[in-house]
Amino acid sequence: MGFYFSSNAIEELKSQVNIVDVVSRAVSLKRAGANFKGCCPFHNEKTPSFVVSEQKQIFTCFGCGAKGDLIGFVQKYYNLDFNDAVAKLGEEYGLNLEKIQSGPDKQKYYDINKMAASFWYNSFTKEKNMGYQYMKERGISDAILKTFGIGYADESWDSLYQYLLSKKVDPKDMVELGLVKKKDSRYYDKFRNRVMFPIINPSGKVIGFGGRAIGDDTPKYLNSDESLIFLKKNNLYGLNLSKNQIKDNIILVEGYMDVIGLYQGGIKNVAASLGTALTQNQAKLIKRYTSDVVLSYDADSAGRNAALRGIEVLTAENIKTKVLHVTDGKDPDEFIKKKGKDAFLKLVDNAVPQIEYRLNSVKGNLNLSKDTDKIEYIKRCAKVLNTLSPVEADIYVKKLASVLKVSESAIKMELMGKSIIDTPQVKQQKDENKEEISPIEKNILKILFTNEDFLPKILDNRKMMESRFSNKILDLALENKVSLKNVQDMLDPEESILLNKILDEVKIGGNEEKVFDESVSRWRLKELTKEEKEILTLLSMADEKENQANMKELTLKLEEIQREKNKLSRG
């Protein structure tokens, strides 16, 4: 598992450790005015030209040109990389420096899940079993079973465990992924006598499993334990297949079989949450592909409540939402098998817009022919209307007035008499990426995904992409032909949220060429300013008698930098 030190840790190290003390452990230093001098450890010399500034906490050699801070010295002298140099200094000076984990190797876990999926698929297809029989009784074709990679976990206590063991998989990793359980010293399979549904993320990696019990075993559905690669709140079942089938909208259903049944029936723009209420991260995932959702949940009270929660979450992401309740109490899987694709598409066309659905929901058991109930209904509607924009509210005030046969002004007065009740805001995911992403980098990312023709120019100026995040996005863009959807599929949810935020915030208004040129100029100006400051520091450290040649060279370079800075500032 990789790591890096936080910026706070680096600052703590530099504030508590003196470069003179660090360098003097390797170099014999003597005070020379405000600085310290010695023979350079990086090249052979008889006359000392190696200078350490205690005030500025840097070193430089006027002979070979080596320079840097205390971390740079340790890196170069002991031949260490940056992290190891920081760790060495922290240990030597007794500092407990904050480490941040940076992307553990998830591929190992993906590979293990893929092995488990293959094992269960072979069990499902190669021999007679109750799982295959159950799915055939549900009317699912062999082709669709293969498309979804459906498997079967047999009744044995440890068949998967023994198989993975034969593949040299560490039992600890099996437990971590929730494939097996451990009791005392014994390992046993978590899933037994169940139809297995591989849960595959949009980039095609098996991240977890759902298991449907055969017969009356409980629980009826059992999901993988959450792990490093599987968080239910971040994923949707079936999206790996449906993402390429989304034209106008996506239909969200409740279960695995609803997804499979609709997909087989020709409705392929479908996905399901994983046994939980719809989450903000799932809404953000959906928004990569569409801003139009149809919720198709059960018509019972649980399904209606789930629809209302889903509306709240989706609306917070500015996703247009409608609600479809399948008629006759059937679920989508049953309905499409009996009525067919066209009948289901008719239900989609007649789905109720979210505002109307919310207004209908607050009606409850009220009898609107009674004045008292009508007044109560208007009060309940006011709470909904007060969450809308003025234009939306005006439209629905008119509709309510017409249906209830009351004046618009009466409803508006009810609205004005109430405090505005905002829809509960879903807390925004904290950005765990602690590094700073400069405005220049944000401009370049926006340009990259606005006009892919700029990719060669961006690569020529790659030094502008200074953060790990921006470089990761650029690498993924190269691998995926600058496809935003494909890039997002390869990102962790937090990274995807951050990228979306950047692309939403940055406005370039079709001026890609101008913004790019300005960004290059600003970056170059920043680099020149850094070089200028560095040279001025070196000049202040140089001995006028012993380093005349170097001082002349530095002065000429300084003048050149200042000329270029003036030119850029005027341009």
Protein backbone atom coordinates (compact mmCIF):
# COMPACT_ATOMS: atom_id res chain seq x y z
CA MET A 1 0.00 0.00 0.00
CA GLY A 2 1.48 3.33 -1.04
CA PHE A 3 1.50 6.51 0.98
CA TYR A 4 2.61 10.10 0.92
CA PHE A 5 3.22 12.68 3.62
CA SER A 6 0.67 15.44 4.07
CA SER A 7 1.64 19.05 3.41
CA ASN A 8 1.21 19.70 7.14
CA ALA A 9 3.73 16.94 7.88
CA ILE A 10 6.28 18.44 5.50
CA GLU A 11 5.82 21.89 7.07
CA GLU A 12 6.19 20.40 10.55
CA LEU A 13 9.45 18.69 9.54
CA LYS A 14 10.92 21.86 8.02
CA SER A 15 9.92 23.97 11.02
CA GLN A 16 11.47 21.62 13.58
CA VAL A 17 14.64 20.41 11.84
CA ASN A 18 17.56 22.72 11.03
CA ILE A 19 19.28 22.12 7.69
CA VAL A 20 22.66 23.03 9.22
CA ASP A 21 22.31 20.17 11.70
CA VAL A 22 21.30 17.74 8.94
CA VAL A 23 24.12 18.69 6.55
CA SER A 24 26.80 18.86 9.27
CA ARG A 25 26.29 15.15 9.93
CA ALA A 26 27.77 14.52 6.47
CA VAL A 27 29.82 17.64 5.71
CA SER A 28 32.32 19.55 7.83
CA LEU A 29 30.91 23.08 7.90
CA LYS A 30 32.46 26.35 9.03
CA ARG A 31 30.61 29.60 9.59
CA ALA A 32 31.17 32.19 6.83
CA GLY A 33 29.27 35.33 7.77
CA ALA A 34 25.55 34.57 7.89
CA ASN A 35 26.09 31.22 6.14
CA PHE A 36 28.07 27.98 6.55
CA LYS A 37 30.64 26.64 4.05
CA GLY A 38 32.28 23.33 3.36
CA CYS A 39 33.56 21.05 0.61
CA CYS A 40 30.75 19.74 -1.57
CA PRO A 41 29.88 16.07 -0.91
CA PHE A 42 28.60 15.66 -4.47
CA HIS A 43 31.83 16.35 -6.38
CA ASN A 44 35.55 16.48 -5.67
CA GLU A 45 36.90 19.90 -4.74
CA LYS A 46 39.71 21.36 -2.65
CA THR A 47 38.35 24.88 -2.25
CA PRO A 48 34.99 24.93 -0.44
CA SER A 49 32.14 26.14 -2.66
CA PHE A 50 29.29 24.39 -0.84
CA VAL A 51 27.15 26.92 1.07
CA VAL A 52 24.34 26.32 3.56
CA SER A 53 22.01 29.16 4.53
CA GLU A 54 20.56 28.72 8.00
CA GLN A 55 18.27 31.70 7.51
CA LYS A 56 16.77 30.40 4.26
CA GLN A 57 17.16 26.69 5.13
CA ILE A 58 18.70 25.78 1.76
CA PHE A 59 22.05 24.60 0.38
CA THR A 60 23.85 25.29 -2.90
CA CYS A 61 27.16 24.38 -4.48
CA PHE A 62 28.71 27.06 -6.67
CA GLY A 63 30.95 24.37 -8.16
CA CYS A 64 28.61 21.62 -9.40
CA GLY A 65 25.27 23.45 -9.10
CA ALA A 66 23.67 21.09 -6.56
CA LYS A 67 20.97 22.86 -4.53
CA GLY A 68 17.86 22.25 -2.47
CA ASP A 69 16.39 22.14 1.02
CA LEU A 70 17.06 19.68 3.86
CA ILE A 71 14.86 16.98 2.27
CA GLY A 72 16.62 17.43 -1.07
CA PHE A 73 19.99 17.05 0.63
CA VAL A 74 19.00 13.77 2.31
CA GLN A 75 17.57 12.50 -0.98
CA LYS A 76 20.74 13.25 -2.92
CA TYR A 77 23.30 12.28 -0.25
CA TYR A 78 21.67 8.99 0.79
CA ASN A 79 20.17 8.19 -2.65
CA LEU A 80 16.58 8.08 -1.37
CA ASP A 81 13.24 9.02 -2.90
CA PHE A 82 11.24 11.88 -1.40
CA ASN A 83 9.03 9.78 0.93
CA ASP A 84 11.97 7.75 2.24
CA ALA A 85 13.98 10.91 2.87
CA VAL A 86 11.11 12.46 4.86
CA ALA A 87 10.63 9.21 6.79
CA LYS A 88 14.37 9.04 7.61
CA LEU A 89 14.39 12.61 8.93
CA GLY A 90 11.20 12.06 10.91
CA GLU A 91 12.62 8.95 12.56
CA GLU A 92 16.00 10.54 13.32
CA TYR A 93 14.42 13.61 14.92
CA GLY A 94 11.61 11.76 16.72
CA LEU A 95 8.74 13.30 14.74
CA ASN A 96 5.45 11.46 14.24
CA LEU A 97 4.65 12.70 10.74
CA GLU A 98 1.19 12.25 9.25
CA LYS A 99 1.04 9.73 6.40
CA ILE A 100 -1.79 9.60 3.88
CA GLN A 101 -2.54 6.32 2.15
CA SER A 102 -2.43 6.79 -1.61
CA GLY A 103 -4.33 4.22 -3.53
CA PRO A 104 -3.74 0.72 -2.19
CA ASP A 105 -3.47 -1.97 -4.81
CA LYS A 106 -7.10 -2.77 -5.52
CA GLN A 107 -6.34 -4.96 -8.54
CA LYS A 108 -5.59 -7.94 -6.30
CA TYR A 109 -9.13 -7.80 -4.91
CA TYR A 110 -10.67 -7.38 -8.35
CA ASP A 111 -8.79 -10.47 -9.51
CA ILE A 112 -10.00 -12.55 -6.55
CA ASN A 113 -13.62 -11.52 -7.16
CA LYS A 114 -13.23 -12.40 -10.82
CA MET A 115 -12.01 -15.90 -9.82
CA ALA A 116 -15.03 -16.31 -7.52
CA ALA A 117 -17.40 -15.16 -10.29
CA SER A 118 -15.87 -17.68 -12.72
CA PHE A 119 -16.09 -20.48 -10.14
CA TRP A 120 -19.78 -19.83 -9.47
CA TYR A 121 -20.55 -19.38 -13.19
CA ASN A 122 -18.98 -22.77 -13.95
CA SER A 123 -21.00 -24.34 -11.12
CA PHE A 124 -24.14 -22.79 -12.64
CA THR A 125 -23.52 -23.87 -16.24
CA LYS A 126 -21.50 -27.09 -16.15
CA GLU A 127 -23.60 -29.31 -13.88
CA LYS A 128 -27.27 -29.70 -12.98
CA ASN A 129 -28.09 -27.46 -10.03
CA MET A 130 -30.98 -25.79 -8.22
CA GLY A 131 -29.77 -22.29 -9.10
CA TYR A 132 -30.07 -22.83 -12.84
CA GLN A 133 -33.44 -24.51 -12.38
CA TYR A 134 -34.72 -21.53 -10.35
CA MET A 135 -33.64 -18.98 -12.97
CA LYS A 136 -35.18 -21.01 -15.81
CA GLU A 137 -38.44 -21.17 -13.84
CA ARG A 138 -38.27 -17.37 -13.66
CA GLY A 139 -38.15 -17.37 -17.47
CA ILE A 140 -34.59 -16.11 -17.97
CA SER A 141 -32.86 -17.23 -21.17
CA ASP A 142 -29.40 -18.77 -21.31
CA ALA A 143 -28.12 -15.80 -23.32
CA ILE A 144 -29.21 -13.30 -20.64
CA LEU A 145 -27.84 -15.51 -17.85
CA LYS A 146 -24.49 -15.42 -19.62
CA THR A 147 -24.70 -11.66 -20.22
CA PHE A 148 -25.13 -11.03 -16.50
CA GLY A 149 -22.65 -13.75 -15.49
CA ILE A 150 -25.15 -15.45 -13.18
CA GLY A 151 -23.64 -18.16 -10.98
CA TYR A 152 -24.53 -20.73 -8.35
CA ALA A 153 -23.01 -21.21 -4.91
CA ASP A 154 -23.54 -24.87 -4.01
CA GLU A 155 -24.54 -26.26 -0.62
CA SER A 156 -20.99 -27.23 0.36
CA TRP A 157 -19.48 -25.43 3.36
CA ASP A 158 -16.18 -24.61 1.72
CA SER A 159 -16.13 -25.31 -2.03
CA LEU A 160 -15.25 -21.70 -2.94
CA TYR A 161 -12.70 -21.49 -0.13
CA GLN A 162 -10.93 -24.64 -1.33
CA TYR A 163 -10.97 -23.41 -4.94
CA LEU A 164 -9.47 -20.02 -4.09
CA LEU A 165 -6.94 -21.71 -1.82
CA SER A 166 -5.83 -23.82 -4.80
CA LYS A 167 -5.30 -20.54 -6.68
CA LYS A 168 -2.92 -19.34 -3.92
CA VAL A 169 -5.36 -16.71 -2.61
CA ASP A 170 -4.65 -15.61 0.94
CA PRO A 171 -7.60 -16.53 3.24
CA LYS A 172 -7.31 -13.08 4.83
CA ASP A 173 -8.16 -11.54 1.45
CA MET A 174 -11.14 -13.89 1.06
CA VAL A 175 -12.44 -12.71 4.45
CA GLU A 176 -11.74 -9.06 3.58
CA LEU A 177 -13.91 -9.39 0.45
CA GLY A 178 -16.70 -11.17 2.34
CA LEU A 179 -16.41 -14.34 0.27
CA VAL A 180 -15.66 -16.55 3.26
CA LYS A 181 -16.14 -16.34 7.01
CA LYS A 182 -13.82 -17.45 9.79
CA LYS A 183 -14.89 -19.01 13.05
CA ASP A 184 -12.15 -20.06 15.44
CA SER A 185 -9.57 -21.54 13.08
CA ARG A 186 -12.06 -22.71 10.46
CA TYR A 187 -12.92 -20.98 7.19
CA TYR A 188 -16.26 -21.52 5.45
CA ASP A 189 -18.12 -20.04 2.46
CA LYS A 190 -20.43 -17.11 3.15
CA PHE A 191 -22.69 -17.91 0.18
CA ARG A 192 -24.23 -21.39 0.06
CA ASN A 193 -27.15 -22.71 -2.02
CA ARG A 194 -27.74 -19.34 -3.64
CA VAL A 195 -28.08 -17.89 -7.13
CA MET A 196 -25.14 -15.50 -7.43
CA PHE A 197 -25.37 -12.09 -9.11
CA PRO A 198 -21.94 -10.53 -9.80
CA ILE A 199 -21.97 -6.78 -9.13
CA ILE A 200 -19.81 -5.14 -11.78
CA ASN A 201 -18.80 -1.48 -11.79
CA PRO A 202 -18.99 0.72 -14.93
CA SER A 203 -15.35 -0.02 -15.79
CA GLY A 204 -16.09 -3.77 -15.91
CA LYS A 205 -14.54 -4.92 -12.62
CA VAL A 206 -16.31 -7.39 -10.32
CA ILE A 207 -16.61 -5.51 -7.03
CA GLY A 208 -19.04 -7.72 -5.09
CA PHE A 209 -21.91 -10.19 -5.21
CA GLY A 210 -25.55 -10.59 -4.36
CA GLY A 211 -26.88 -14.04 -3.48
CA ARG A 212 -30.55 -15.06 -3.77
CA ALA A 213 -31.52 -17.95 -1.48
CA ILE A 214 -33.00 -21.07 -3.07
CA GLY A 215 -36.13 -22.13 -1.20
CA ASP A 216 -37.00 -20.63 2.18
CA ASP A 217 -33.51 -19.89 3.48
CA THR A 218 -33.00 -16.50 5.10
CA PRO A 219 -32.12 -13.83 4.40
CA LYS A 220 -33.73 -14.00 0.98
CA TYR A 221 -31.01 -11.76 -0.50
CA LEU A 222 -27.48 -11.53 0.86
CA ASN A 223 -24.86 -9.06 -0.37
CA SER A 224 -21.08 -9.13 -0.09
CA ASP A 225 -19.65 -7.38 2.92
CA GLU A 226 -18.51 -3.86 2.13
CA SER A 227 -14.79 -3.70 1.44
CA LEU A 228 -12.06 -1.56 -0.06
CA ILE A 229 -13.56 -2.09 -3.52
CA PHE A 230 -17.26 -2.46 -2.66
CA LEU A 231 -19.40 0.26 -1.11
CA LYS A 232 -23.10 -0.11 -1.86
CA LYS A 233 -23.68 3.63 -1.73
CA ASN A 234 -21.29 4.15 -4.67
CA ASN A 235 -22.60 1.59 -7.16
CA LEU A 236 -25.65 0.49 -9.14
CA TYR A 237 -26.41 -3.03 -10.31
CA GLY A 238 -26.52 -3.41 -14.10
CA LEU A 239 -25.01 -0.01 -14.92
CA ASN A 240 -22.01 -1.70 -16.53
CA LEU A 241 -24.41 -2.95 -19.24
CA SER A 242 -26.97 -0.17 -19.35
CA LYS A 243 -24.54 2.75 -19.51
CA ASN A 244 -24.16 2.26 -23.27
CA GLN A 245 -27.93 1.89 -23.74
CA ILE A 246 -28.93 5.22 -22.19
CA LYS A 247 -30.31 7.63 -24.80
CA ASP A 248 -32.79 9.82 -22.97
CA ASN A 249 -33.27 8.44 -19.48
CA ILE A 250 -32.45 5.62 -17.11
CA ILE A 251 -35.02 3.51 -15.27
CA LEU A 252 -34.16 2.71 -11.66
CA VAL A 253 -35.73 -0.42 -10.19
CA GLU A 254 -35.43 -2.14 -6.83
CA GLY A 255 -33.86 -5.53 -7.44
CA TYR A 256 -31.55 -7.75 -9.48
CA MET A 257 -34.39 -9.67 -11.11
CA ASP A 258 -36.16 -6.47 -12.16
CA VAL A 259 -33.00 -5.35 -13.97
CA ILE A 260 -32.53 -8.75 -15.62
CA GLY A 261 -36.21 -9.13 -16.53
CA LEU A 262 -36.46 -5.67 -18.13
CA TYR A 263 -33.13 -6.13 -19.94
CA GLN A 264 -34.35 -9.43 -21.41
CA GLY A 265 -37.62 -7.74 -22.38
CA GLY A 266 -35.76 -5.12 -24.42
CA ILE A 267 -35.68 -2.32 -21.82
CA LYS A 268 -31.91 -1.99 -21.48
CA ASN A 269 -31.55 1.48 -19.95
CA VAL A 270 -32.11 0.05 -16.47
CA ALA A 271 -30.20 -0.27 -13.19
CA ALA A 272 -30.90 -0.91 -9.49
CA SER A 273 -29.61 0.31 -6.16
CA LEU A 274 -28.10 -2.40 -3.98
CA GLY A 275 -30.68 -2.99 -1.29
CA THR A 276 -30.37 0.51 0.11
CA ALA A 277 -32.14 3.84 -0.34
CA LEU A 278 -30.76 5.84 -3.24
CA THR A 279 -27.66 7.79 -2.19
CA GLN A 280 -26.06 11.03 -3.29
CA ASN A 281 -23.06 9.18 -4.71
CA GLN A 282 -25.37 6.98 -6.78
CA ALA A 283 -27.13 10.10 -8.05
CA LYS A 284 -23.79 11.61 -9.06
CA LEU A 285 -22.91 8.34 -10.82
CA ILE A 286 -26.18 8.47 -12.74
CA LYS A 287 -25.56 12.07 -13.76
CA ARG A 288 -22.48 11.00 -15.71
CA TYR A 289 -24.85 9.39 -18.21
CA THR A 290 -28.16 11.24 -18.00
CA SER A 291 -30.06 13.96 -16.17
CA ASP A 292 -33.39 12.20 -16.61
CA VAL A 293 -34.51 9.36 -14.29
CA VAL A 294 -37.66 7.26 -14.05
CA LEU A 295 -38.11 5.56 -10.67
CA SER A 296 -39.95 2.24 -10.97
CA TYR A 297 -40.45 1.02 -7.41
CA ASP A 298 -43.12 -1.14 -5.81
CA ALA A 299 -46.48 0.53 -5.24
CA ASP A 300 -46.63 -0.44 -1.53
CA SER A 301 -45.85 2.02 1.27
CA ALA A 302 -42.17 1.02 1.35
CA GLY A 303 -41.89 1.57 -2.39
CA ARG A 304 -43.61 4.94 -2.19
CA ASN A 305 -41.36 6.08 0.64
CA ALA A 306 -38.32 4.93 -1.33
CA ALA A 307 -39.55 6.93 -4.33
CA LEU A 308 -39.94 10.07 -2.21
CA ARG A 309 -36.42 9.65 -0.79
CA GLY A 310 -35.11 9.04 -4.30
CA ILE A 311 -36.78 12.22 -5.57
CA GLU A 312 -35.13 14.21 -2.79
CA VAL A 313 -31.64 12.88 -3.59
CA LEU A 314 -31.98 13.17 -7.37
CA THR A 315 -33.46 16.67 -7.22
CA ALA A 316 -30.48 17.80 -5.14
CA GLU A 317 -28.32 16.83 -8.14
CA ASN A 318 -30.61 18.69 -10.60
CA ILE A 319 -31.81 15.43 -12.13
CA LYS A 320 -35.27 15.49 -13.72
CA THR A 321 -37.27 12.73 -12.03
CA LYS A 322 -40.52 10.90 -12.74
CA VAL A 323 -42.15 8.02 -10.88
CA LEU A 324 -43.68 4.90 -12.40
CA HIS A 325 -45.67 2.40 -10.33
CA VAL A 326 -46.37 -0.83 -12.21
CA THR A 327 -50.10 -1.55 -12.39
CA ASP A 328 -51.87 -4.53 -10.78
CA GLY A 329 -49.27 -4.70 -8.00
CA LYS A 330 -46.79 -6.51 -10.20
CA ASP A 331 -43.07 -5.82 -10.18
CA PRO A 332 -41.36 -4.73 -13.44
CA ASP A 333 -40.03 -8.26 -14.08
CA GLU A 334 -43.51 -9.83 -13.89
CA PHE A 335 -45.16 -7.01 -15.83
CA ILE A 336 -42.89 -7.12 -18.87
CA LYS A 337 -43.09 -10.92 -19.10
CA LYS A 338 -46.91 -10.75 -19.21
CA LYS A 339 -47.54 -7.49 -21.06
CA GLY A 340 -44.38 -6.97 -23.12
CA LYS A 341 -42.00 -4.14 -23.95
CA ASP A 342 -44.52 -1.74 -25.56
CA ALA A 343 -46.84 -1.90 -22.56
CA PHE A 344 -43.97 -1.09 -20.23
CA LEU A 345 -42.78 1.80 -22.43
CA LYS A 346 -46.33 3.18 -22.23
CA LEU A 347 -45.99 3.17 -18.44
CA VAL A 348 -42.69 5.06 -18.81
CA ASP A 349 -44.33 7.66 -21.07
CA ASN A 350 -47.08 8.15 -18.48
CA ALA A 351 -44.74 8.33 -15.48
CA VAL A 352 -45.69 11.08 -13.01
CA PRO A 353 -43.37 14.12 -12.73
CA GLN A 354 -41.79 14.32 -9.27
CA ILE A 355 -43.65 17.48 -8.19
CA GLU A 356 -47.04 15.96 -9.01
CA TYR A 357 -45.99 12.75 -7.29
CA ARG A 358 -45.08 14.60 -4.12
CA LEU A 359 -48.34 16.57 -4.18
CA ASN A 360 -50.31 13.33 -4.64
CA SER A 361 -48.36 11.66 -1.84
CA VAL A 362 -49.24 14.27 0.78
CA LYS A 363 -52.93 13.70 0.07
CA GLY A 364 -52.91 10.46 2.04
CA ASN A 365 -56.45 9.46 3.13
CA LEU A 366 -57.89 12.97 2.97
CA ASN A 367 -61.35 13.34 1.45
CA LEU A 368 -61.12 16.43 -0.73
CA SER A 369 -64.88 16.75 -0.92
CA LYS A 370 -64.75 17.88 2.71
CA ASP A 371 -63.72 21.48 3.29
CA THR A 372 -61.71 20.63 6.40
CA ASP A 373 -59.71 17.99 4.51
CA LYS A 374 -59.29 20.34 1.56
CA ILE A 375 -57.80 22.99 3.86
CA GLU A 376 -55.45 20.43 5.41
CA TYR A 377 -54.39 19.29 1.92
CA ILE A 378 -53.59 22.88 0.87
CA LYS A 379 -51.44 23.27 3.99
CA ARG A 380 -49.56 20.08 3.14
CA CYS A 381 -49.15 21.16 -0.48
CA ALA A 382 -47.76 24.50 0.69
CA LYS A 383 -44.84 22.69 2.26
CA VAL A 384 -44.07 21.09 -1.10
CA LEU A 385 -44.62 24.27 -3.12
CA ASN A 386 -42.34 26.27 -0.85
CA THR A 387 -39.43 24.07 -1.95
CA LEU A 388 -39.91 24.97 -5.63
CA SER A 389 -38.58 27.78 -7.76
CA PRO A 390 -41.00 30.73 -8.19
CA VAL A 391 -41.86 29.64 -11.76
CA GLU A 392 -42.55 26.02 -10.76
CA ALA A 393 -44.58 27.12 -7.76
CA ASP A 394 -46.69 29.46 -9.91
CA ILE A 395 -47.50 26.66 -12.38
CA TYR A 396 -48.61 24.26 -9.66
CA VAL A 397 -50.54 26.91 -7.76
CA LYS A 398 -52.63 27.33 -10.90
CA LYS A 399 -53.12 23.56 -11.24
CA LEU A 400 -54.10 23.15 -7.59
CA ALA A 401 -56.50 26.07 -7.75
CA SER A 402 -58.21 24.51 -10.76
CA VAL A 403 -58.46 21.01 -9.25
CA LEU A 404 -59.55 22.16 -5.78
CA LYS A 405 -61.78 24.95 -7.10
CA VAL A 406 -60.23 27.60 -4.87
CA SER A 407 -58.64 30.91 -5.83
CA GLU A 408 -54.95 31.13 -6.68
CA SER A 409 -54.62 34.05 -4.29
CA ALA A 410 -55.88 31.88 -1.40
CA ILE A 411 -53.16 29.27 -2.05
CA LYS A 412 -50.51 31.99 -2.44
CA MET A 413 -51.57 33.54 0.86
CA GLU A 414 -51.16 30.12 2.48
CA LEU A 415 -47.66 29.96 0.99
CA MET A 416 -46.78 33.44 2.22
CA GLY A 417 -48.02 32.60 5.69
CA LYS A 418 -45.61 29.70 6.00
CA SER A 419 -41.86 29.73 6.45
CA ILE A 420 -40.12 28.33 3.47
CA ILE A 421 -39.28 24.71 4.07
CA ASP A 422 -36.37 23.72 1.97
CA THR A 423 -35.88 20.16 0.91
CA PRO A 424 -33.36 18.55 3.27
CA GLN A 425 -29.97 19.01 1.73
CA VAL A 426 -27.91 15.92 1.27
CA LYS A 427 -24.52 16.58 2.85
CA GLN A 428 -21.86 16.97 0.25
CA GLN A 429 -19.15 14.28 0.18
CA LYS A 430 -15.93 15.62 1.71
CA ASP A 431 -13.15 15.95 -0.76
CA GLU A 432 -10.50 13.62 0.55
CA ASN A 433 -7.96 14.85 -1.93
CA LYS A 434 -5.94 17.22 0.24
CA GLU A 435 -3.62 18.53 -2.44
CA GLU A 436 -4.25 21.89 -4.02
CA ILE A 437 -5.28 22.03 -7.67
CA SER A 438 -4.32 25.35 -9.19
CA PRO A 439 -6.69 27.50 -11.29
CA ILE A 440 -4.35 26.89 -14.24
CA GLU A 441 -4.78 23.11 -13.93
CA LYS A 442 -8.55 23.50 -13.65
CA ASN A 443 -8.59 25.57 -16.86
CA ILE A 444 -6.55 22.91 -18.67
CA LEU A 445 -8.85 20.09 -17.50
CA LYS A 446 -11.88 22.06 -18.71
CA ILE A 447 -10.23 22.68 -22.08
CA LEU A 448 -9.24 19.00 -22.37
CA PHE A 449 -12.82 17.77 -22.04
CA THR A 450 -14.25 20.64 -24.09
CA ASN A 451 -11.99 20.24 -27.11
CA GLU A 452 -9.88 17.09 -27.41
CA ASP A 453 -7.84 18.69 -30.22
CA PHE A 454 -5.90 20.49 -27.48
CA LEU A 455 -4.47 17.21 -26.14
CA PRO A 456 -1.13 17.49 -28.04
CA LYS A 457 -0.64 21.08 -26.82
CA ILE A 458 -1.45 20.04 -23.26
CA LEU A 459 1.06 17.20 -23.43
CA ASP A 460 3.71 19.63 -24.71
CA ASN A 461 3.05 21.76 -21.62
CA ARG A 462 2.49 18.93 -19.16
CA LYS A 463 4.63 20.59 -16.49
CA MET A 464 1.64 22.83 -15.82
CA MET A 465 -0.19 19.79 -14.42
CA GLU A 466 1.48 19.80 -11.03
CA SER A 467 -0.96 17.85 -8.86
CA ARG A 468 -1.25 14.07 -8.69
CA PHE A 469 -4.98 14.38 -9.45
CA SER A 470 -4.50 16.36 -12.68
CA ASN A 471 -1.80 14.00 -13.89
CA LYS A 472 -4.01 11.01 -13.18
CA ILE A 473 -6.86 12.56 -15.19
CA LEU A 474 -4.49 13.33 -18.08
CA ASP A 475 -3.16 9.74 -18.11
CA LEU A 476 -6.70 8.33 -18.09
CA ALA A 477 -7.71 10.73 -20.86
CA LEU A 478 -4.83 9.42 -22.98
CA GLU A 479 -5.87 5.82 -22.32
CA ASN A 480 -9.54 6.48 -23.05
CA LYS A 481 -9.35 8.81 -26.06
CA VAL A 482 -10.48 11.81 -23.98
CA SER A 483 -13.86 10.21 -23.22
CA LEU A 484 -15.18 11.90 -20.07
CA LYS A 485 -17.53 9.02 -19.26
CA ASN A 486 -14.77 6.44 -19.59
CA VAL A 487 -12.39 8.53 -17.50
CA GLN A 488 -15.02 8.91 -14.78
CA ASP A 489 -15.62 5.16 -14.79
CA MET A 490 -11.97 4.67 -13.84
CA LEU A 491 -12.08 7.13 -10.93
CA ASP A 492 -13.02 6.59 -7.32
CA PRO A 493 -16.33 8.29 -6.41
CA GLU A 494 -14.58 11.11 -4.54
CA GLU A 495 -12.31 11.78 -7.51
CA SER A 496 -15.27 11.77 -9.88
CA ILE A 497 -17.09 14.27 -7.67
CA LEU A 498 -14.02 16.52 -7.68
CA LEU A 499 -13.66 16.34 -11.47
CA ASN A 500 -17.34 17.17 -11.98
CA LYS A 501 -17.03 20.11 -9.60
CA ILE A 502 -14.05 21.49 -11.53
CA LEU A 503 -15.76 21.10 -14.92
CA ASP A 504 -18.94 22.75 -13.60
CA GLU A 505 -17.11 25.67 -12.00
CA VAL A 506 -14.75 26.61 -14.84
CA LYS A 507 -16.33 28.69 -17.60
CA ILE A 508 -14.38 29.31 -20.81
CA GLY A 509 -17.24 30.29 -23.12
CA GLY A 510 -15.83 28.81 -26.33
CA ASN A 511 -12.51 30.67 -25.93
CA GLU A 512 -10.35 27.57 -25.56
CA GLU A 513 -7.41 28.99 -27.56
CA LYS A 514 -7.34 32.25 -25.61
CA VAL A 515 -7.74 30.59 -22.21
CA PHE A 516 -5.07 28.00 -23.03
CA ASP A 517 -2.53 30.64 -24.15
CA GLU A 518 -3.27 32.75 -21.06
CA SER A 519 -2.84 29.70 -18.83
CA VAL A 520 0.53 28.88 -20.41
CA SER A 521 1.66 32.50 -19.93
CA ARG A 522 0.52 32.58 -16.29
CA TRP A 523 2.29 29.32 -15.55
CA ARG A 524 5.47 30.47 -17.24
CA LEU A 525 5.33 33.77 -15.32
CA LYS A 526 4.98 31.83 -12.07
CA GLU A 527 7.97 29.64 -12.93
CA LEU A 528 10.10 32.64 -13.89
CA THR A 529 9.23 34.31 -10.58
CA LYS A 530 10.38 31.21 -8.74
CA GLU A 531 13.63 31.13 -10.72
CA GLU A 532 14.15 34.85 -10.08
CA LYS A 533 13.72 34.38 -6.34
CA GLU A 534 16.10 31.41 -6.37
CA ILE A 535 18.83 33.33 -8.19
CA LEU A 536 18.47 36.31 -5.86
CA THR A 537 18.89 33.89 -2.94
CA LEU A 538 21.98 32.33 -4.51
CA LEU A 539 23.49 35.75 -5.15
CA SER A 540 22.95 36.67 -1.52
CA MET A 541 24.76 33.51 -0.44
CA ALA A 542 27.73 33.82 -2.83
CA ASP A 543 31.11 35.12 -1.71
CA GLU A 544 31.98 38.13 -3.90
CA LYS A 545 35.71 37.32 -3.89
CA GLU A 546 35.58 33.55 -4.39
CA ASN A 547 32.54 33.24 -6.67
CA GLN A 548 32.88 36.13 -9.13
CA ALA A 549 32.45 33.96 -12.22
CA ASN A 550 29.34 32.28 -10.83
CA MET A 551 27.91 35.61 -9.73
CA LYS A 552 28.36 37.06 -13.21
CA GLU A 553 26.64 34.02 -14.75
CA LEU A 554 23.77 34.25 -12.25
CA THR A 555 23.40 38.00 -12.86
CA LEU A 556 23.13 37.48 -16.64
CA LYS A 557 20.54 34.76 -16.11
CA LEU A 558 18.62 37.02 -13.74
CA GLU A 559 18.51 39.79 -16.33
CA GLU A 560 17.26 37.34 -18.96
CA ILE A 561 14.50 36.12 -16.64
CA GLN A 562 13.43 39.66 -15.81
CA ARG A 563 13.26 40.58 -19.51
CA GLU A 564 11.04 37.57 -20.22
CA LYS A 565 8.84 38.40 -17.22
CA ASN A 566 8.35 41.95 -18.46
CA LYS A 567 7.47 40.67 -21.91
CA LEU A 568 4.88 38.24 -20.51
CA SER A 569 3.41 40.89 -18.22
CA ARG A 570 2.94 43.28 -21.15
CA GLY A 571 1.56 40.56 -23.41
